[in-house]
Protein backbone atom coordinates (compact mmCIF):
# COMPACT_ATOMS: atom_id res chain seq x y z
CA UNK A 1 -32.42 95.68 -51.19
CA UNK A 2 -30.99 92.70 -49.38
CA UNK A 3 -31.26 89.29 -50.99
CA UNK A 4 -32.16 86.30 -48.88
CA UNK A 5 -30.59 82.96 -49.77
CA UNK A 6 -32.63 79.91 -48.84
CA UNK A 7 -31.13 77.29 -46.56
CA UNK A 8 -31.28 74.74 -49.38
CA UNK A 9 -29.42 77.01 -51.80
CA UNK A 10 -26.83 77.86 -49.15
CA UNK A 11 -26.29 74.17 -48.37
CA UNK A 12 -25.78 73.31 -52.03
CA UNK A 13 -23.41 76.24 -52.47
CA UNK A 14 -21.33 75.24 -49.45
CA UNK A 15 -21.22 71.60 -50.50
CA UNK A 16 -19.93 72.55 -53.94
CA UNK A 17 -16.82 74.03 -52.29
CA UNK A 18 -16.25 71.27 -49.73
CA UNK A 19 -12.95 69.51 -50.48
CA UNK A 20 -13.18 65.76 -50.97
CA UNK A 21 -16.97 65.75 -50.98
CA UNK A 22 -19.44 65.00 -53.71
CA UNK A 23 -23.14 65.77 -53.48
CA UNK A 24 -25.98 63.58 -54.68
CA UNK A 25 -29.44 65.01 -55.29
CA UNK A 26 -32.55 63.29 -56.63
CA UNK A 27 -36.11 64.47 -57.11
CA UNK A 28 -38.93 62.04 -56.46
CA UNK A 29 -42.21 63.22 -57.99
CA UNK A 30 -45.34 61.66 -56.48
CA UNK A 31 -43.23 59.23 -54.43
CA UNK A 32 -44.77 55.87 -53.59
CA UNK A 33 -44.21 53.05 -51.14
CA UNK A 34 -45.68 49.61 -51.82
CA UNK A 35 -47.58 51.07 -54.77
CA UNK A 36 -49.31 53.86 -52.80
CA UNK A 37 -48.55 57.56 -52.49
CA UNK A 38 -46.70 58.42 -49.27
CA UNK A 39 -48.69 60.15 -46.55
CA UNK A 40 -47.11 63.37 -45.26
CA UNK A 41 -47.48 62.19 -41.63
CA UNK A 42 -46.17 59.28 -39.59
CA UNK A 43 -48.44 57.11 -37.43
CA UNK A 44 -47.60 59.04 -34.25
CA UNK A 45 -48.61 62.36 -35.85
CA UNK A 46 -45.21 63.74 -36.88
CA UNK A 47 -45.59 65.37 -40.29
CA UNK A 48 -43.57 67.05 -43.03
CA UNK A 49 -39.77 67.16 -42.90
CA UNK A 50 -39.21 64.14 -40.58
CA UNK A 51 -41.31 61.97 -42.92
CA UNK A 52 -39.52 63.28 -46.02
CA UNK A 53 -36.17 62.64 -44.27
CA UNK A 54 -37.22 59.06 -43.44
CA UNK A 55 -38.19 58.45 -47.08
CA UNK A 56 -34.84 59.82 -48.29
CA UNK A 57 -32.89 57.69 -45.80
CA UNK A 58 -34.77 54.60 -47.02
CA UNK A 59 -33.61 55.51 -50.55
CA UNK A 60 -29.96 55.79 -49.41
CA UNK A 61 -29.76 59.58 -49.05
CA UNK A 62 -28.93 61.66 -45.97
CA UNK A 63 -32.06 63.80 -45.79
CA UNK A 64 -34.73 65.75 -47.64
CA UNK A 65 -33.65 69.06 -49.06
CA UNK A 66 -37.17 70.19 -50.01
CA UNK A 67 -40.64 68.68 -50.18
CA UNK A 68 -44.11 69.65 -51.35
CA UNK A 69 -47.47 68.29 -50.22
CA UNK A 70 -50.89 68.05 -51.84
CA UNK A 71 -54.32 66.62 -50.98
CA UNK A 72 -54.76 63.09 -52.30
CA UNK A 73 -57.54 60.50 -52.07
CA UNK A 74 -55.47 57.58 -50.71
CA UNK A 75 -52.04 57.38 -49.09
CA UNK A 76 -49.91 54.95 -47.10
CA UNK A 77 -48.32 55.94 -43.80
CA UNK A 78 -44.58 55.32 -44.14
CA UNK A 79 -43.78 53.88 -40.70
CA UNK A 80 -46.89 51.75 -40.15
CA UNK A 81 -48.21 50.83 -43.59
CA UNK A 82 -51.67 52.08 -42.59
CA UNK A 83 -53.73 53.33 -45.54
CA UNK A 84 -55.44 56.72 -45.33
CA UNK A 85 -58.62 56.94 -47.39
CA UNK A 86 -60.18 60.21 -46.19
CA UNK A 87 -58.75 63.75 -46.05
CA UNK A 88 -55.24 62.52 -46.89
CA UNK A 89 -52.16 64.59 -47.66
CA UNK A 90 -49.50 63.08 -49.90
CA UNK A 91 -46.08 64.25 -50.94
CA UNK A 92 -46.15 65.83 -54.38
CA UNK A 93 -42.35 65.97 -54.48
CA UNK A 94 -39.40 65.09 -52.27
CA UNK A 95 -35.87 66.16 -53.17
CA UNK A 96 -33.31 63.97 -51.43
CA UNK A 97 -29.73 65.03 -50.75
CA UNK A 98 -26.59 63.28 -49.59
CA UNK A 99 -22.88 63.84 -49.44
CA UNK A 100 -20.31 61.21 -50.22
CA UNK A 101 -16.73 61.41 -49.07
CA UNK A 102 -14.39 60.66 -51.97
CA UNK A 103 -11.97 58.98 -49.57
CA UNK A 104 -14.46 56.63 -47.90
CA UNK A 105 -13.22 53.08 -47.77
CA UNK A 106 -9.54 53.87 -48.39
């Protein structure tokens, strides 16, 4: 039986062997912006990974490694601030990831 390694696991494994690099990972559970849960879509209709990536970049990370969504009664659209109050989908979790070069700034 052949084992399949997820992209996220492979990325973390590769980064652990990268010389001069240090990884940073943080989980955000039920992430919020301006006190409201983050909607899983942007105003122009792009949903999922691009929105999670934008949230992570706003937090100082490179991108989202994983994310989970769930139905929620009220959310805020990240790029427009519009509030969704009907049939909304929020992020349940976003795991942000970044690399930091140990020699940056030398």
